[in-house]
Amino acid sequence: MRIREFQQRIDEMYSDTDRARGAAKTFLWLTEEFGELASAIAGDDQKNKEEEFADVFAWLCSIANVEGVDIESAVIEKYVDRRPEGHK
């Protein structure tokens, strides 16, 4: 599955709720997931880490959908075939 396909699936499943909630509140959900990921990284449970990485990615796709951003295209444009400044 490509990133675009996953993002579309998230849009099909959650777009009504995400758009009704709006970008700012959807971003708050994403930040909560970052906290859960941080806790998972601090621990030793590999399955929990995998689940929390998946949650962060899914919420990132949700907010990208609300904002009309195609993550796959954005990543390709910025990172493929070059190393952007500031990413060390």
PDB file of N, CA and C in Angstrom:
ATOM      1  N   MET A   1       0.848  -1.182   0.000  1.00  0.00           N
ATOM      2  CA  MET A   1       0.000   0.000   0.000  1.00  0.00           C
ATOM      3  C   MET A   1       0.888   1.238   0.000  1.00  0.00           C
ATOM      4  N   ARG A   2       0.563   2.151  -0.840  1.00  0.00           N
ATOM      5  CA  ARG A   2       1.302   3.415  -0.904  1.00  0.00           C
ATOM      6  C   ARG A   2       0.754   4.379   0.142  1.00  0.00           C
ATOM      7  N   ILE A   3       1.549   5.391   0.443  1.00  0.00           N
ATOM      8  CA  ILE A   3       1.130   6.399   1.423  1.00  0.00           C
ATOM      9  C   ILE A   3      -0.189   7.034   0.983  1.00  0.00           C
ATOM     10  N   ARG A   4      -0.293   7.372  -0.283  1.00  0.00           N
ATOM     11  CA  ARG A   4      -1.509   8.025  -0.790  1.00  0.00           C
ATOM     12  C   ARG A   4      -2.739   7.142  -0.589  1.00  0.00           C
ATOM     13  N   GLU A   5      -2.574   5.846  -0.804  1.00  0.00           N
ATOM     14  CA  GLU A   5      -3.688   4.908  -0.620  1.00  0.00           C
ATOM     15  C   GLU A   5      -4.111   4.849   0.847  1.00  0.00           C
ATOM     16  N   PHE A   6      -3.136   4.823   1.750  1.00  0.00           N
ATOM     17  CA  PHE A   6      -3.465   4.806   3.168  1.00  0.00           C
ATOM     18  C   PHE A   6      -4.160   6.110   3.566  1.00  0.00           C
ATOM     19  N   GLN A   7      -3.637   7.227   3.094  1.00  0.00           N
ATOM     20  CA  GLN A   7      -4.248   8.519   3.414  1.00  0.00           C
ATOM     21  C   GLN A   7      -5.684   8.573   2.906  1.00  0.00           C
ATOM     22  N   GLN A   8      -5.925   8.028   1.725  1.00  0.00           N
ATOM     23  CA  GLN A   8      -7.287   7.985   1.186  1.00  0.00           C
ATOM     24  C   GLN A   8      -8.189   7.113   2.052  1.00  0.00           C
ATOM     25  N   ARG A   9      -7.655   5.987   2.510  1.00  0.00           N
ATOM     26  CA  ARG A   9      -8.444   5.097   3.386  1.00  0.00           C
ATOM     27  C   ARG A   9      -8.825   5.809   4.674  1.00  0.00           C
ATOM     28  N   ILE A  10      -7.887   6.517   5.259  1.00  0.00           N
ATOM     29  CA  ILE A  10      -8.177   7.293   6.473  1.00  0.00           C
ATOM     30  C   ILE A  10      -9.249   8.336   6.159  1.00  0.00           C
ATOM     31  N   ASP A  11      -9.152   8.978   5.007  1.00  0.00           N
ATOM     32  CA  ASP A  11     -10.152   9.973   4.607  1.00  0.00           C
ATOM     33  C   ASP A  11     -11.532   9.347   4.486  1.00  0.00           C
ATOM     34  N   GLU A  12     -11.592   8.170   3.859  1.00  0.00           N
ATOM     35  CA  GLU A  12     -12.882   7.481   3.704  1.00  0.00           C
ATOM     36  C   GLU A  12     -13.480   7.106   5.060  1.00  0.00           C
ATOM     37  N   MET A  13     -12.647   6.722   5.992  1.00  0.00           N
ATOM     38  CA  MET A  13     -13.128   6.251   7.291  1.00  0.00           C
ATOM     39  C   MET A  13     -13.493   7.399   8.242  1.00  0.00           C
ATOM     40  N   TYR A  14     -12.727   8.494   8.187  1.00  0.00           N
ATOM     41  CA  TYR A  14     -12.843   9.508   9.243  1.00  0.00           C
ATOM     42  C   TYR A  14     -13.083  10.936   8.761  1.00  0.00           C
ATOM     43  N   SER A  15     -13.210  11.164   7.471  1.00  0.00           N
ATOM     44  CA  SER A  15     -13.234  12.542   6.976  1.00  0.00           C
ATOM     45  C   SER A  15     -14.380  13.378   7.540  1.00  0.00           C
ATOM     46  N   ASP A  16     -15.561  12.803   7.656  1.00  0.00           N
ATOM     47  CA  ASP A  16     -16.686  13.593   8.180  1.00  0.00           C
ATOM     48  C   ASP A  16     -16.392  14.083   9.590  1.00  0.00           C
ATOM     49  N   THR A  17     -15.922  13.192  10.434  1.00  0.00           N
ATOM     50  CA  THR A  17     -15.604  13.555  11.824  1.00  0.00           C
ATOM     51  C   THR A  17     -14.453  14.543  11.876  1.00  0.00           C
ATOM     52  N   ASP A  18     -13.390  14.265  11.110  1.00  0.00           N
ATOM     53  CA  ASP A  18     -12.206  15.128  11.148  1.00  0.00           C
ATOM     54  C   ASP A  18     -12.506  16.532  10.646  1.00  0.00           C
ATOM     55  N   ARG A  19     -13.242  16.637   9.565  1.00  0.00           N
ATOM     56  CA  ARG A  19     -13.554  17.959   9.026  1.00  0.00           C
ATOM     57  C   ARG A  19     -14.512  18.726   9.946  1.00  0.00           C
ATOM     58  N   ALA A  20     -15.437  18.019  10.560  1.00  0.00           N
ATOM     59  CA  ALA A  20     -16.342  18.679  11.510  1.00  0.00           C
ATOM     60  C   ALA A  20     -15.571  19.175  12.735  1.00  0.00           C
ATOM     61  N   ARG A  21     -14.566  18.406  13.145  1.00  0.00           N
ATOM     62  CA  ARG A  21     -13.744  18.787  14.293  1.00  0.00           C
ATOM     63  C   ARG A  21     -12.849  19.965  13.944  1.00  0.00           C
ATOM     64  N   GLY A  22     -12.356  19.995  12.708  1.00  0.00           N
ATOM     65  CA  GLY A  22     -11.475  21.065  12.265  1.00  0.00           C
ATOM     66  C   GLY A  22     -10.009  20.750  12.493  1.00  0.00           C
ATOM     67  N   ALA A  23      -9.164  21.522  11.829  1.00  0.00           N
ATOM     68  CA  ALA A  23      -7.721  21.274  11.871  1.00  0.00           C
ATOM     69  C   ALA A  23      -7.137  21.458  13.265  1.00  0.00           C
ATOM     70  N   ALA A  24      -7.529  22.499  13.958  1.00  0.00           N
ATOM     71  CA  ALA A  24      -6.924  22.772  15.264  1.00  0.00           C
ATOM     72  C   ALA A  24      -7.202  21.651  16.264  1.00  0.00           C
ATOM     73  N   LYS A  25      -8.441  21.206  16.336  1.00  0.00           N
ATOM     74  CA  LYS A  25      -8.774  20.143  17.284  1.00  0.00           C
ATOM     75  C   LYS A  25      -8.223  18.791  16.834  1.00  0.00           C
ATOM     76  N   THR A  26      -8.156  18.562  15.532  1.00  0.00           N
ATOM     77  CA  THR A  26      -7.551  17.330  15.037  1.00  0.00           C
ATOM     78  C   THR A  26      -6.067  17.328  15.368  1.00  0.00           C
ATOM     79  N   PHE A  27      -5.430  18.486  15.282  1.00  0.00           N
ATOM     80  CA  PHE A  27      -4.014  18.594  15.663  1.00  0.00           C
ATOM     81  C   PHE A  27      -3.820  18.265  17.134  1.00  0.00           C
ATOM     82  N   LEU A  28      -4.752  18.641  17.982  1.00  0.00           N
ATOM     83  CA  LEU A  28      -4.651  18.290  19.407  1.00  0.00           C
ATOM     84  C   LEU A  28      -4.659  16.779  19.601  1.00  0.00           C
ATOM     85  N   TRP A  29      -5.481  16.075  18.827  1.00  0.00           N
ATOM     86  CA  TRP A  29      -5.480  14.608  18.900  1.00  0.00           C
ATOM     87  C   TRP A  29      -4.126  14.056  18.473  1.00  0.00           C
ATOM     88  N   LEU A  30      -3.546  14.646  17.425  1.00  0.00           N
ATOM     89  CA  LEU A  30      -2.224  14.216  16.961  1.00  0.00           C
ATOM     90  C   LEU A  30      -1.179  14.424  18.059  1.00  0.00           C
ATOM     91  N   THR A  31      -1.227  15.554  18.730  1.00  0.00           N
ATOM     92  CA  THR A  31      -0.238  15.801  19.782  1.00  0.00           C
ATOM     93  C   THR A  31      -0.403  14.821  20.938  1.00  0.00           C
ATOM     94  N   GLU A  32      -1.622  14.428  21.239  1.00  0.00           N
ATOM     95  CA  GLU A  32      -1.844  13.409  22.270  1.00  0.00           C
ATOM     96  C   GLU A  32      -1.185  12.101  21.867  1.00  0.00           C
ATOM     97  N   GLU A  33      -1.301  11.756  20.593  1.00  0.00           N
ATOM     98  CA  GLU A  33      -0.668  10.531  20.103  1.00  0.00           C
ATOM     99  C   GLU A  33       0.850  10.614  20.169  1.00  0.00           C
ATOM    100  N   PHE A  34       1.425  11.797  19.955  1.00  0.00           N
ATOM    101  CA  PHE A  34       2.872  11.957  20.112  1.00  0.00           C
ATOM    102  C   PHE A  34       3.282  11.659  21.555  1.00  0.00           C
ATOM    103  N   GLY A  35       2.473  12.084  22.508  1.00  0.00           N
ATOM    104  CA  GLY A  35       2.764  11.783  23.911  1.00  0.00           C
ATOM    105  C   GLY A  35       2.731  10.289  24.179  1.00  0.00           C
ATOM    106  N   GLU A  36       1.751   9.609  23.612  1.00  0.00           N
ATOM    107  CA  GLU A  36       1.666   8.156  23.780  1.00  0.00           C
ATOM    108  C   GLU A  36       2.849   7.467  23.111  1.00  0.00           C
ATOM    109  N   LEU A  37       3.286   7.986  21.962  1.00  0.00           N
ATOM    110  CA  LEU A  37       4.453   7.431  21.293  1.00  0.00           C
ATOM    111  C   LEU A  37       5.707   7.647  22.140  1.00  0.00           C
ATOM    112  N   ALA A  38       5.838   8.812  22.732  1.00  0.00           N
ATOM    113  CA  ALA A  38       6.999   9.089  23.586  1.00  0.00           C
ATOM    114  C   ALA A  38       7.057   8.108  24.752  1.00  0.00           C
ATOM    115  N   SER A  39       5.916   7.842  25.345  1.00  0.00           N
ATOM    116  CA  SER A  39       5.866   6.869  26.447  1.00  0.00           C
ATOM    117  C   SER A  39       6.231   5.477  25.962  1.00  0.00           C
ATOM    118  N   ALA A  40       5.750   5.110  24.784  1.00  0.00           N
ATOM    119  CA  ALA A  40       6.059   3.790  24.231  1.00  0.00           C
ATOM    120  C   ALA A  40       7.553   3.656  23.946  1.00  0.00           C
ATOM    121  N   ILE A  41       8.153   4.699  23.394  1.00  0.00           N
ATOM    122  CA  ILE A  41       9.584   4.672  23.089  1.00  0.00           C
ATOM    123  C   ILE A  41      10.403   4.508  24.365  1.00  0.00           C
ATOM    124  N   ALA A  42       9.927   5.076  25.444  1.00  0.00           N
ATOM    125  CA  ALA A  42      10.632   4.964  26.725  1.00  0.00           C
ATOM    126  C   ALA A  42      10.536   3.566  27.317  1.00  0.00           C
ATOM    127  N   GLY A  43       9.620   2.768  26.825  1.00  0.00           N
ATOM    128  CA  GLY A  43       9.410   1.428  27.360  1.00  0.00           C
ATOM    129  C   GLY A  43      10.063   0.349  26.515  1.00  0.00           C
ATOM    130  N   ASP A  44       9.742  -0.881  26.854  1.00  0.00           N
ATOM    131  CA  ASP A  44      10.346  -2.034  26.190  1.00  0.00           C
ATOM    132  C   ASP A  44       9.349  -2.861  25.378  1.00  0.00           C
ATOM    133  N   ASP A  45       8.122  -2.392  25.255  1.00  0.00           N
ATOM    134  CA  ASP A  45       7.077  -3.150  24.568  1.00  0.00           C
ATOM    135  C   ASP A  45       7.077  -2.800  23.078  1.00  0.00           C
ATOM    136  N   GLN A  46       7.687  -3.655  22.260  1.00  0.00           N
ATOM    137  CA  GLN A  46       7.815  -3.388  20.822  1.00  0.00           C
ATOM    138  C   GLN A  46       6.458  -3.265  20.142  1.00  0.00           C
ATOM    139  N   LYS A  47       5.511  -4.097  20.512  1.00  0.00           N
ATOM    140  CA  LYS A  47       4.170  -4.047  19.908  1.00  0.00           C
ATOM    141  C   LYS A  47       3.509  -2.696  20.186  1.00  0.00           C
ATOM    142  N   ASN A  48       3.656  -2.202  21.408  1.00  0.00           N
ATOM    143  CA  ASN A  48       3.104  -0.893  21.765  1.00  0.00           C
ATOM    144  C   ASN A  48       3.760   0.205  20.936  1.00  0.00           C
ATOM    145  N   LYS A  49       5.068   0.129  20.736  1.00  0.00           N
ATOM    146  CA  LYS A  49       5.752   1.119  19.903  1.00  0.00           C
ATOM    147  C   LYS A  49       5.170   1.117  18.493  1.00  0.00           C
ATOM    148  N   GLU A  50       5.008  -0.077  17.929  1.00  0.00           N
ATOM    149  CA  GLU A  50       4.466  -0.182  16.581  1.00  0.00           C
ATOM    150  C   GLU A  50       3.063   0.409  16.494  1.00  0.00           C
ATOM    151  N   GLU A  51       2.235   0.120  17.483  1.00  0.00           N
ATOM    152  CA  GLU A  51       0.871   0.647  17.495  1.00  0.00           C
ATOM    153  C   GLU A  51       0.863   2.166  17.592  1.00  0.00           C
ATOM    154  N   GLU A  52       1.726   2.709  18.431  1.00  0.00           N
ATOM    155  CA  GLU A  52       1.747   4.165  18.603  1.00  0.00           C
ATOM    156  C   GLU A  52       2.320   4.875  17.379  1.00  0.00           C
ATOM    157  N   PHE A  53       3.330   4.281  16.713  1.00  0.00           N
ATOM    158  CA  PHE A  53       3.799   4.853  15.448  1.00  0.00           C
ATOM    159  C   PHE A  53       2.664   4.857  14.431  1.00  0.00           C
ATOM    160  N   ALA A  54       1.902   3.771  14.375  1.00  0.00           N
ATOM    161  CA  ALA A  54       0.772   3.691  13.452  1.00  0.00           C
ATOM    162  C   ALA A  54      -0.275   4.750  13.783  1.00  0.00           C
ATOM    163  N   ASP A  55      -0.557   4.944  15.069  1.00  0.00           N
ATOM    164  CA  ASP A  55      -1.536   5.956  15.470  1.00  0.00           C
ATOM    165  C   ASP A  55      -1.090   7.354  15.057  1.00  0.00           C
ATOM    166  N   VAL A  56       0.183   7.675  15.288  1.00  0.00           N
ATOM    167  CA  VAL A  56       0.696   8.997  14.916  1.00  0.00           C
ATOM    168  C   VAL A  56       0.558   9.197  13.412  1.00  0.00           C
ATOM    169  N   PHE A  57       0.917   8.175  12.636  1.00  0.00           N
ATOM    170  CA  PHE A  57       0.830   8.305  11.185  1.00  0.00           C
ATOM    171  C   PHE A  57      -0.617   8.472  10.732  1.00  0.00           C
ATOM    172  N   ALA A  58      -1.523   7.719  11.330  1.00  0.00           N
ATOM    173  CA  ALA A  58      -2.939   7.832  10.962  1.00  0.00           C
ATOM    174  C   ALA A  58      -3.482   9.225  11.284  1.00  0.00           C
ATOM    175  N   TRP A  59      -3.147   9.752  12.451  1.00  0.00           N
ATOM    176  CA  TRP A  59      -3.615  11.097  12.808  1.00  0.00           C
ATOM    177  C   TRP A  59      -2.950  12.156  11.939  1.00  0.00           C
ATOM    178  N   LEU A  60      -1.692  11.944  11.548  1.00  0.00           N
ATOM    179  CA  LEU A  60      -1.030  12.869  10.634  1.00  0.00           C
ATOM    180  C   LEU A  60      -1.773  12.890   9.303  1.00  0.00           C
ATOM    181  N   CYS A  61      -2.171  11.721   8.835  1.00  0.00           N
ATOM    182  CA  CYS A  61      -2.964  11.642   7.602  1.00  0.00           C
ATOM    183  C   CYS A  61      -4.301  12.350   7.770  1.00  0.00           C
ATOM    184  N   SER A  62      -4.917  12.203   8.930  1.00  0.00           N
ATOM    185  CA  SER A  62      -6.201  12.868   9.185  1.00  0.00           C
ATOM    186  C   SER A  62      -6.081  14.372   9.056  1.00  0.00           C
ATOM    187  N   ILE A  63      -5.072  14.946   9.701  1.00  0.00           N
ATOM    188  CA  ILE A  63      -4.939  16.407   9.653  1.00  0.00           C
ATOM    189  C   ILE A  63      -4.512  16.857   8.258  1.00  0.00           C
ATOM    190  N   ALA A  64      -3.718  16.045   7.571  1.00  0.00           N
ATOM    191  CA  ALA A  64      -3.357  16.388   6.189  1.00  0.00           C
ATOM    192  C   ALA A  64      -4.604  16.406   5.309  1.00  0.00           C
ATOM    193  N   ASN A  65      -5.503  15.460   5.523  1.00  0.00           N
ATOM    194  CA  ASN A  65      -6.748  15.450   4.760  1.00  0.00           C
ATOM    195  C   ASN A  65      -7.569  16.697   5.028  1.00  0.00           C
ATOM    196  N   VAL A  66      -7.682  17.078   6.276  1.00  0.00           N
ATOM    197  CA  VAL A  66      -8.443  18.289   6.626  1.00  0.00           C
ATOM    198  C   VAL A  66      -7.838  19.511   5.939  1.00  0.00           C
ATOM    199  N   GLU A  67      -6.516  19.535   5.850  1.00  0.00           N
ATOM    200  CA  GLU A  67      -5.806  20.682   5.273  1.00  0.00           C
ATOM    201  C   GLU A  67      -5.570  20.560   3.772  1.00  0.00           C
ATOM    202  N   GLY A  68      -5.996  19.445   3.167  1.00  0.00           N
ATOM    203  CA  GLY A  68      -5.843  19.284   1.725  1.00  0.00           C
ATOM    204  C   GLY A  68      -4.404  19.036   1.273  1.00  0.00           C
ATOM    205  N   VAL A  69      -3.621  18.336   2.091  1.00  0.00           N
ATOM    206  CA  VAL A  69      -2.227  18.047   1.765  1.00  0.00           C
ATOM    207  C   VAL A  69      -2.086  16.568   1.406  1.00  0.00           C
ATOM    208  N   ASP A  70      -1.486  16.304   0.258  1.00  0.00           N
ATOM    209  CA  ASP A  70      -1.160  14.949  -0.165  1.00  0.00           C
ATOM    210  C   ASP A  70       0.225  14.639   0.406  1.00  0.00           C
ATOM    211  N   ILE A  71       0.271  13.838   1.470  1.00  0.00           N
ATOM    212  CA  ILE A  71       1.536  13.575   2.159  1.00  0.00           C
ATOM    213  C   ILE A  71       2.550  12.909   1.233  1.00  0.00           C
ATOM    214  N   GLU A  72       2.116  11.948   0.459  1.00  0.00           N
ATOM    215  CA  GLU A  72       3.053  11.257  -0.433  1.00  0.00           C
ATOM    216  C   GLU A  72       3.734  12.243  -1.376  1.00  0.00           C
ATOM    217  N   SER A  73       2.975  13.102  -2.009  1.00  0.00           N
ATOM    218  CA  SER A  73       3.551  14.095  -2.911  1.00  0.00           C
ATOM    219  C   SER A  73       4.484  15.051  -2.171  1.00  0.00           C
ATOM    220  N   ALA A  74       4.085  15.466  -0.993  1.00  0.00           N
ATOM    221  CA  ALA A  74       4.905  16.394  -0.213  1.00  0.00           C
ATOM    222  C   ALA A  74       6.236  15.770   0.177  1.00  0.00           C
ATOM    223  N   VAL A  75       6.205  14.497   0.589  1.00  0.00           N
ATOM    224  CA  VAL A  75       7.432  13.806   0.982  1.00  0.00           C
ATOM    225  C   VAL A  75       8.348  13.618  -0.227  1.00  0.00           C
ATOM    226  N   ILE A  76       7.777  13.208  -1.338  1.00  0.00           N
ATOM    227  CA  ILE A  76       8.583  13.009  -2.546  1.00  0.00           C
ATOM    228  C   ILE A  76       9.234  14.321  -2.965  1.00  0.00           C
ATOM    229  N   GLU A  77       8.450  15.379  -2.977  1.00  0.00           N
ATOM    230  CA  GLU A  77       8.971  16.674  -3.408  1.00  0.00           C
ATOM    231  C   GLU A  77      10.092  17.169  -2.498  1.00  0.00           C
ATOM    232  N   LYS A  78       9.939  16.955  -1.203  1.00  0.00           N
ATOM    233  CA  LYS A  78      10.926  17.513  -0.269  1.00  0.00           C
ATOM    234  C   LYS A  78      12.118  16.591  -0.025  1.00  0.00           C
ATOM    235  N   TYR A  79      11.917  15.261   0.011  1.00  0.00           N
ATOM    236  CA  TYR A  79      12.967  14.359   0.474  1.00  0.00           C
ATOM    237  C   TYR A  79      13.561  13.413  -0.560  1.00  0.00           C
ATOM    238  N   VAL A  80      12.877  13.127  -1.635  1.00  0.00           N
ATOM    239  CA  VAL A  80      13.400  12.166  -2.599  1.00  0.00           C
ATOM    240  C   VAL A  80      14.446  12.858  -3.468  1.00  0.00           C
ATOM    241  N   ASP A  81      15.568  12.198  -3.613  1.00  0.00           N
ATOM    242  CA  ASP A  81      16.677  12.684  -4.442  1.00  0.00           C
ATOM    243  C   ASP A  81      17.405  13.903  -3.883  1.00  0.00           C
ATOM    244  N   ARG A  82      17.132  14.244  -2.650  1.00  0.00           N
ATOM    245  CA  ARG A  82      17.895  15.333  -2.033  1.00  0.00           C
ATOM    246  C   ARG A  82      17.759  15.262  -0.525  1.00  0.00           C
ATOM    247  N   ARG A  83      18.631  15.956   0.137  1.00  0.00           N
ATOM    248  CA  ARG A  83      18.591  16.044   1.592  1.00  0.00           C
ATOM    249  C   ARG A  83      18.313  17.489   1.965  1.00  0.00           C
ATOM    250  N   PRO A  84      17.117  17.770   2.486  1.00  0.00           N
ATOM    251  CA  PRO A  84      16.771  19.160   2.768  1.00  0.00           C
ATOM    252  C   PRO A  84      17.648  19.760   3.870  1.00  0.00           C
ATOM    253  N   GLU A  85      17.867  21.043   3.766  1.00  0.00           N
ATOM    254  CA  GLU A  85      18.603  21.748   4.806  1.00  0.00           C
ATOM    255  C   GLU A  85      17.847  21.663   6.114  1.00  0.00           C
ATOM    256  N   GLY A  86      18.585  21.616   7.196  1.00  0.00           N
ATOM    257  CA  GLY A  86      17.968  21.592   8.513  1.00  0.00           C
ATOM    258  C   GLY A  86      17.675  20.213   9.043  1.00  0.00           C
ATOM    259  N   HIS A  87      17.730  19.192   8.200  1.00  0.00           N
ATOM    260  CA  HIS A  87      17.505  17.813   8.639  1.00  0.00           C
ATOM    261  C   HIS A  87      18.864  17.152   8.766  1.00  0.00           C
ATOM    262  N   LYS A  88      19.336  17.087   9.994  1.00  0.00           N
ATOM    263  CA  LYS A  88      20.699  16.590  10.245  1.00  0.00           C
ATOM    264  C   LYS A  88      20.696  15.204  10.791  1.00  0.00           C
TER     265      LYS A  88
END
